[in-house]
Amino acid sequence: MQASPVKRKALELGLELQQPASFKSPDALELLRAARVDALIVVAYGQILPAAALSIPKLGCLNIHGSLLPRWRGAAPIQRAILAGDCMTGVTIMRMEAGLDTGPMLISRQTEIGLRDNAQTVHDKLSSLGADLILESLAALAAGTAHEVPQPADGVTYADKISKAEAPIDWHHAAGQISRQVRAFNPWPIAQTQFNGEALRIWDAETIDLHFAGAGRDVKPGTVLAATGEGILRLQLPGRKPLTAQEFLQGQRLTGAFFASI
């Protein structure tokens, strides 16, 4: 267990720190009332605040959400956007209400999901973008110039929580889908396959167009037809650190090997 960056910074600055497990208890609500906050801000909070908590801050409760709402409401908007092959994502500052990410929007801004972006790199882009947008939103609220727009009814999708059960790769899937799975699950839970009876984690991958003579329908999906030290592939065997393709090939033979679905 490690303290979050927010907790570490609060302790560094000598700020009062409270960590209620939930805002459903009377004690937690009293803490919030006693703090006399102007606004309450959450990001990736993982809980729906009760109405009693939402009504306390003077300027309301705001959510820094990592998608262009109403697309990808819910727990894992970054990973689901990558898995779906979205080219764009962004940050939406929304006013919280009783529903799951259903409140009116104050501001949103988009950014590109590159072909080599993974969940961590997209998260870092959105983190910087969200910091800028929440400052703009708070200034507008304080000045009385904020303009809130209801979310449209069309285009609503839900980003279900990511599960470790989604990590195993099915080599019958298309190469693009597997590449998105690898990128979406980096840094957690990490896509994996079976290699020589062990779980092999694949941290990075990219798709390339190659045609092999004799690679017909009799070749099982998951068969390694050729191995190269180039590209961005990173692999990790149990109990070892992640290795680049070149490093991995120094100790393992891959050409002709078979990656089995778990």
Protein backbone atom coordinates (compact mmCIF):
# COMPACT_ATOMS: atom_id res chain seq x y z
CA MET A 1 0.00 0.00 0.00
CA GLN A 2 1.27 3.46 -0.92
CA ALA A 3 -0.10 6.90 -0.22
CA SER A 4 -1.61 8.64 -3.23
CA PRO A 5 0.12 11.72 -4.69
CA VAL A 6 -2.68 13.87 -3.27
CA LYS A 7 -2.12 12.53 0.24
CA ARG A 8 1.65 12.92 -0.01
CA LYS A 9 1.31 16.54 -1.14
CA ALA A 10 -1.22 17.31 1.60
CA LEU A 11 1.12 15.92 4.25
CA GLU A 12 4.06 17.81 2.73
CA LEU A 13 2.12 21.08 2.92
CA GLY A 14 0.87 20.38 6.44
CA LEU A 15 -2.79 20.36 5.38
CA GLU A 16 -5.47 18.64 7.41
CA LEU A 17 -6.17 15.26 5.85
CA GLN A 18 -9.35 13.23 6.25
CA GLN A 19 -9.93 9.85 4.59
CA PRO A 20 -13.50 8.67 5.22
CA ALA A 21 -14.24 5.27 3.70
CA SER A 22 -17.61 6.57 2.55
CA PHE A 23 -19.71 9.73 2.74
CA LYS A 24 -22.79 7.75 3.67
CA SER A 25 -22.07 7.85 7.40
CA PRO A 26 -23.23 10.76 9.60
CA ASP A 27 -19.66 11.25 10.87
CA ALA A 28 -18.28 11.68 7.33
CA LEU A 29 -21.02 14.15 6.44
CA GLU A 30 -20.29 16.14 9.58
CA LEU A 31 -16.60 16.30 8.61
CA LEU A 32 -17.62 17.76 5.27
CA ARG A 33 -19.93 20.33 6.86
CA ALA A 34 -17.27 21.34 9.37
CA ALA A 35 -14.73 21.91 6.60
CA ARG A 36 -17.02 24.57 5.08
CA VAL A 37 -15.65 23.90 1.62
CA ASP A 38 -16.62 26.04 -1.35
CA ALA A 39 -16.37 23.12 -3.78
CA LEU A 40 -15.72 19.40 -3.67
CA ILE A 41 -13.72 17.84 -6.50
CA VAL A 42 -13.31 14.15 -7.29
CA VAL A 43 -11.35 12.27 -9.92
CA ALA A 44 -11.50 8.46 -10.35
CA TYR A 45 -13.22 8.36 -6.96
CA GLY A 46 -15.00 5.05 -7.51
CA GLN A 47 -18.12 5.90 -5.49
CA ILE A 48 -21.34 7.78 -6.11
CA LEU A 49 -21.70 10.53 -3.52
CA PRO A 50 -25.03 10.56 -1.69
CA ALA A 51 -27.39 13.51 -2.13
CA ALA A 52 -26.66 14.64 1.42
CA ALA A 53 -22.99 15.15 0.54
CA LEU A 54 -23.67 16.74 -2.85
CA SER A 55 -25.75 19.49 -1.26
CA ILE A 56 -23.10 20.69 1.22
CA PRO A 57 -20.44 22.59 -0.82
CA LYS A 58 -21.46 26.13 -1.76
CA LEU A 59 -20.37 25.83 -5.40
CA GLY A 60 -21.28 22.15 -5.66
CA CYS A 61 -19.38 18.95 -6.41
CA LEU A 62 -17.37 18.55 -9.60
CA ASN A 63 -15.98 15.45 -11.29
CA ILE A 64 -12.88 15.48 -13.50
CA HIS A 65 -13.89 12.66 -15.83
CA GLY A 66 -11.49 11.05 -18.29
CA SER A 67 -13.71 10.90 -21.37
CA LEU A 68 -15.81 13.06 -23.67
CA LEU A 69 -19.17 12.54 -22.01
CA PRO A 70 -21.66 11.01 -22.54
CA ARG A 71 -19.29 8.45 -24.09
CA TRP A 72 -17.67 6.18 -21.53
CA ARG A 73 -19.45 6.96 -18.32
CA GLY A 74 -18.21 4.76 -15.50
CA ALA A 75 -15.11 3.27 -13.94
CA ALA A 76 -12.63 2.66 -16.77
CA PRO A 77 -13.09 5.26 -19.52
CA ILE A 78 -9.45 5.28 -20.62
CA GLN A 79 -9.10 1.53 -21.04
CA ARG A 80 -12.48 1.14 -22.72
CA ALA A 81 -11.72 3.91 -25.20
CA ILE A 82 -8.48 2.20 -26.22
CA LEU A 83 -10.14 -1.22 -26.43
CA ALA A 84 -12.88 0.20 -28.67
CA GLY A 85 -10.31 1.71 -31.02
CA ASP A 86 -11.31 5.32 -30.32
CA CYS A 87 -8.99 7.83 -32.00
CA MET A 88 -9.95 10.66 -29.66
CA THR A 89 -10.73 11.03 -25.98
CA GLY A 90 -10.59 13.90 -23.54
CA VAL A 91 -11.63 15.35 -20.19
CA THR A 92 -15.06 16.57 -19.14
CA ILE A 93 -15.68 18.65 -16.03
CA MET A 94 -19.20 17.80 -14.89
CA ARG A 95 -21.39 18.69 -11.95
CA MET A 96 -22.07 15.57 -9.90
CA GLU A 97 -25.58 14.33 -9.26
CA ALA A 98 -27.17 11.11 -8.04
CA GLY A 99 -26.63 9.18 -11.31
CA LEU A 100 -23.42 7.60 -12.61
CA ASP A 101 -21.60 10.40 -14.47
CA THR A 102 -24.90 11.85 -15.68
CA GLY A 103 -24.59 15.46 -14.51
CA PRO A 104 -24.41 18.61 -16.65
CA MET A 105 -21.08 19.51 -18.27
CA LEU A 106 -19.16 22.71 -17.58
CA ILE A 107 -16.31 22.24 -20.05
CA SER A 108 -14.63 19.51 -22.09
CA ARG A 109 -11.52 19.27 -24.21
CA GLN A 110 -10.29 16.49 -26.45
CA THR A 111 -6.94 14.88 -27.16
CA GLU A 112 -5.73 12.18 -29.54
CA ILE A 113 -5.21 8.51 -28.72
CA GLY A 114 -2.10 7.59 -30.72
CA LEU A 115 -1.44 4.17 -32.23
CA ARG A 116 1.21 3.52 -29.58
CA ASP A 117 -0.60 5.09 -26.63
CA ASN A 118 -1.40 2.84 -23.70
CA ALA A 119 -3.58 3.41 -20.66
CA GLN A 120 -0.71 5.05 -18.77
CA THR A 121 0.27 7.52 -21.49
CA VAL A 122 -3.37 8.49 -22.11
CA HIS A 123 -3.88 8.87 -18.35
CA ASP A 124 -0.90 11.24 -18.19
CA LYS A 125 -2.26 13.35 -21.05
CA LEU A 126 -5.66 13.59 -19.39
CA SER A 127 -4.15 14.33 -15.99
CA SER A 128 -2.48 17.48 -17.28
CA LEU A 129 -5.55 18.45 -19.29
CA GLY A 130 -7.89 17.87 -16.34
CA ALA A 131 -5.78 20.06 -14.05
CA ASP A 132 -6.09 22.97 -16.47
CA LEU A 133 -9.83 22.49 -16.98
CA ILE A 134 -10.72 22.25 -13.29
CA LEU A 135 -8.97 25.57 -12.64
CA GLU A 136 -10.94 27.18 -15.47
CA SER A 137 -14.17 25.71 -14.13
CA LEU A 138 -13.60 26.83 -10.55
CA ALA A 139 -12.77 30.37 -11.70
CA ALA A 140 -15.95 30.48 -13.79
CA LEU A 141 -18.08 29.17 -10.92
CA ALA A 142 -16.62 31.70 -8.50
CA ALA A 143 -17.26 34.53 -10.99
CA GLY A 144 -20.78 33.33 -11.77
CA THR A 145 -19.96 32.90 -15.46
CA ALA A 146 -20.01 29.08 -15.68
CA HIS A 147 -22.25 27.68 -18.41
CA GLU A 148 -23.60 24.19 -17.74
CA VAL A 149 -24.87 22.01 -20.58
CA PRO A 150 -26.96 18.85 -20.07
CA GLN A 151 -25.44 15.70 -21.49
CA PRO A 152 -27.06 14.60 -24.77
CA ALA A 153 -29.19 11.47 -24.70
CA ASP A 154 -27.47 10.09 -27.79
CA GLY A 155 -24.03 8.49 -27.68
CA VAL A 156 -24.16 7.19 -24.11
CA THR A 157 -21.77 4.28 -23.45
CA TYR A 158 -20.58 2.73 -20.20
CA ALA A 159 -17.01 1.89 -19.23
CA ASP A 160 -17.28 -1.16 -17.00
CA LYS A 161 -14.55 -1.76 -14.42
CA ILE A 162 -11.52 -3.62 -15.77
CA SER A 163 -11.08 -7.18 -14.50
CA LYS A 164 -8.03 -9.48 -14.42
CA ALA A 165 -10.22 -12.01 -16.20
CA GLU A 166 -9.93 -9.85 -19.34
CA ALA A 167 -6.12 -10.05 -19.42
CA PRO A 168 -5.65 -13.40 -21.29
CA ILE A 169 -5.16 -12.96 -25.03
CA ASP A 170 -7.30 -14.93 -27.47
CA TRP A 171 -5.07 -15.36 -30.52
CA HIS A 172 -8.10 -16.01 -32.72
CA HIS A 173 -8.88 -12.29 -32.48
CA ALA A 174 -7.69 -9.83 -35.11
CA ALA A 175 -4.20 -8.35 -34.68
CA GLY A 176 -5.57 -4.84 -34.16
CA GLN A 177 -7.86 -6.02 -31.37
CA ILE A 178 -4.99 -7.82 -29.61
CA SER A 179 -2.78 -4.74 -29.92
CA ARG A 180 -5.51 -2.59 -28.34
CA GLN A 181 -5.89 -5.13 -25.53
CA VAL A 182 -2.16 -5.01 -24.79
CA ARG A 183 -2.13 -1.20 -24.77
CA ALA A 184 -5.35 -0.82 -22.78
CA PHE A 185 -4.12 -3.14 -20.01
CA ASN A 186 -0.75 -1.45 -19.53
CA PRO A 187 0.01 -0.73 -16.66
CA TRP A 188 -2.73 -3.01 -15.22
CA PRO A 189 -3.65 -5.86 -15.35
CA ILE A 190 -1.20 -6.54 -18.27
CA ALA A 191 -2.27 -8.73 -21.18
CA GLN A 192 -0.90 -12.26 -20.97
CA THR A 193 -0.57 -15.57 -22.77
CA GLN A 194 0.87 -19.05 -22.12
CA PHE A 195 4.45 -19.78 -23.21
CA ASN A 196 6.10 -23.10 -22.39
CA GLY A 197 3.55 -23.70 -19.64
CA GLU A 198 4.13 -20.33 -17.96
CA ALA A 199 2.16 -17.12 -17.96
CA LEU A 200 3.88 -14.62 -20.26
CA ARG A 201 2.90 -10.99 -19.75
CA ILE A 202 2.98 -8.73 -22.81
CA TRP A 203 3.48 -5.08 -21.90
CA ASP A 204 3.75 -3.51 -25.34
CA ALA A 205 3.00 -4.57 -28.89
CA GLU A 206 2.33 -3.16 -32.33
CA THR A 207 0.77 -4.55 -35.49
CA ILE A 208 2.79 -4.94 -38.68
CA ASP A 209 1.87 -6.13 -42.16
CA LEU A 210 3.88 -9.22 -43.07
CA HIS A 211 3.13 -12.15 -45.34
CA PHE A 212 4.81 -15.52 -44.81
CA ALA A 213 5.13 -18.12 -47.53
CA GLY A 214 3.47 -21.33 -46.46
CA ALA A 215 1.57 -19.73 -43.59
CA GLY A 216 -1.79 -21.15 -44.55
CA ARG A 217 -4.92 -22.14 -42.72
CA ASP A 218 -3.18 -25.07 -41.01
CA VAL A 219 -1.12 -22.67 -38.84
CA LYS A 220 -2.69 -22.27 -35.40
CA PRO A 221 -3.37 -18.74 -34.16
CA GLY A 222 -0.68 -17.97 -31.60
CA THR A 223 2.13 -19.61 -33.56
CA VAL A 224 5.27 -17.45 -33.74
CA LEU A 225 6.27 -17.46 -37.42
CA ALA A 226 9.29 -15.21 -36.98
CA ALA A 227 10.99 -13.32 -34.14
CA THR A 228 12.90 -10.06 -34.32
CA GLY A 229 14.64 -7.81 -31.86
CA GLU A 230 13.07 -4.74 -33.41
CA GLY A 231 9.79 -3.01 -32.57
CA ILE A 232 8.37 -2.04 -29.19
CA LEU A 233 7.49 -5.50 -27.87
CA ARG A 234 8.12 -6.02 -24.13
CA LEU A 235 7.67 -9.41 -22.48
CA GLN A 236 7.82 -10.65 -18.89
CA LEU A 237 8.05 -14.17 -17.49
CA PRO A 238 6.94 -14.90 -13.89
CA GLY A 239 9.35 -13.55 -11.28
CA ARG A 240 11.40 -11.61 -13.81
CA LYS A 241 11.50 -8.03 -14.97
CA PRO A 242 9.98 -6.93 -18.30
CA LEU A 243 12.40 -7.32 -21.22
CA THR A 244 12.56 -5.81 -24.66
CA ALA A 245 12.18 -8.22 -27.56
CA GLN A 246 15.93 -8.12 -28.15
CA GLU A 247 16.71 -8.90 -24.50
CA PHE A 248 14.09 -11.65 -24.36
CA LEU A 249 15.51 -13.37 -27.45
CA GLN A 250 18.93 -13.63 -25.84
CA GLY A 251 17.57 -16.28 -23.49
CA GLN A 252 14.49 -17.67 -25.26
CA ARG A 253 13.79 -19.09 -28.69
CA LEU A 254 10.53 -17.78 -30.08
CA THR A 255 10.46 -18.71 -33.77
CA GLY A 256 8.17 -21.73 -34.05
CA ALA A 257 6.93 -21.34 -30.47
CA PHE A 258 3.24 -21.37 -29.63
CA PHE A 259 1.43 -18.83 -27.49
CA ALA A 260 -1.61 -20.56 -26.02
CA SER A 261 -4.73 -18.80 -24.84
CA ILE A 262 -5.11 -19.12 -21.06
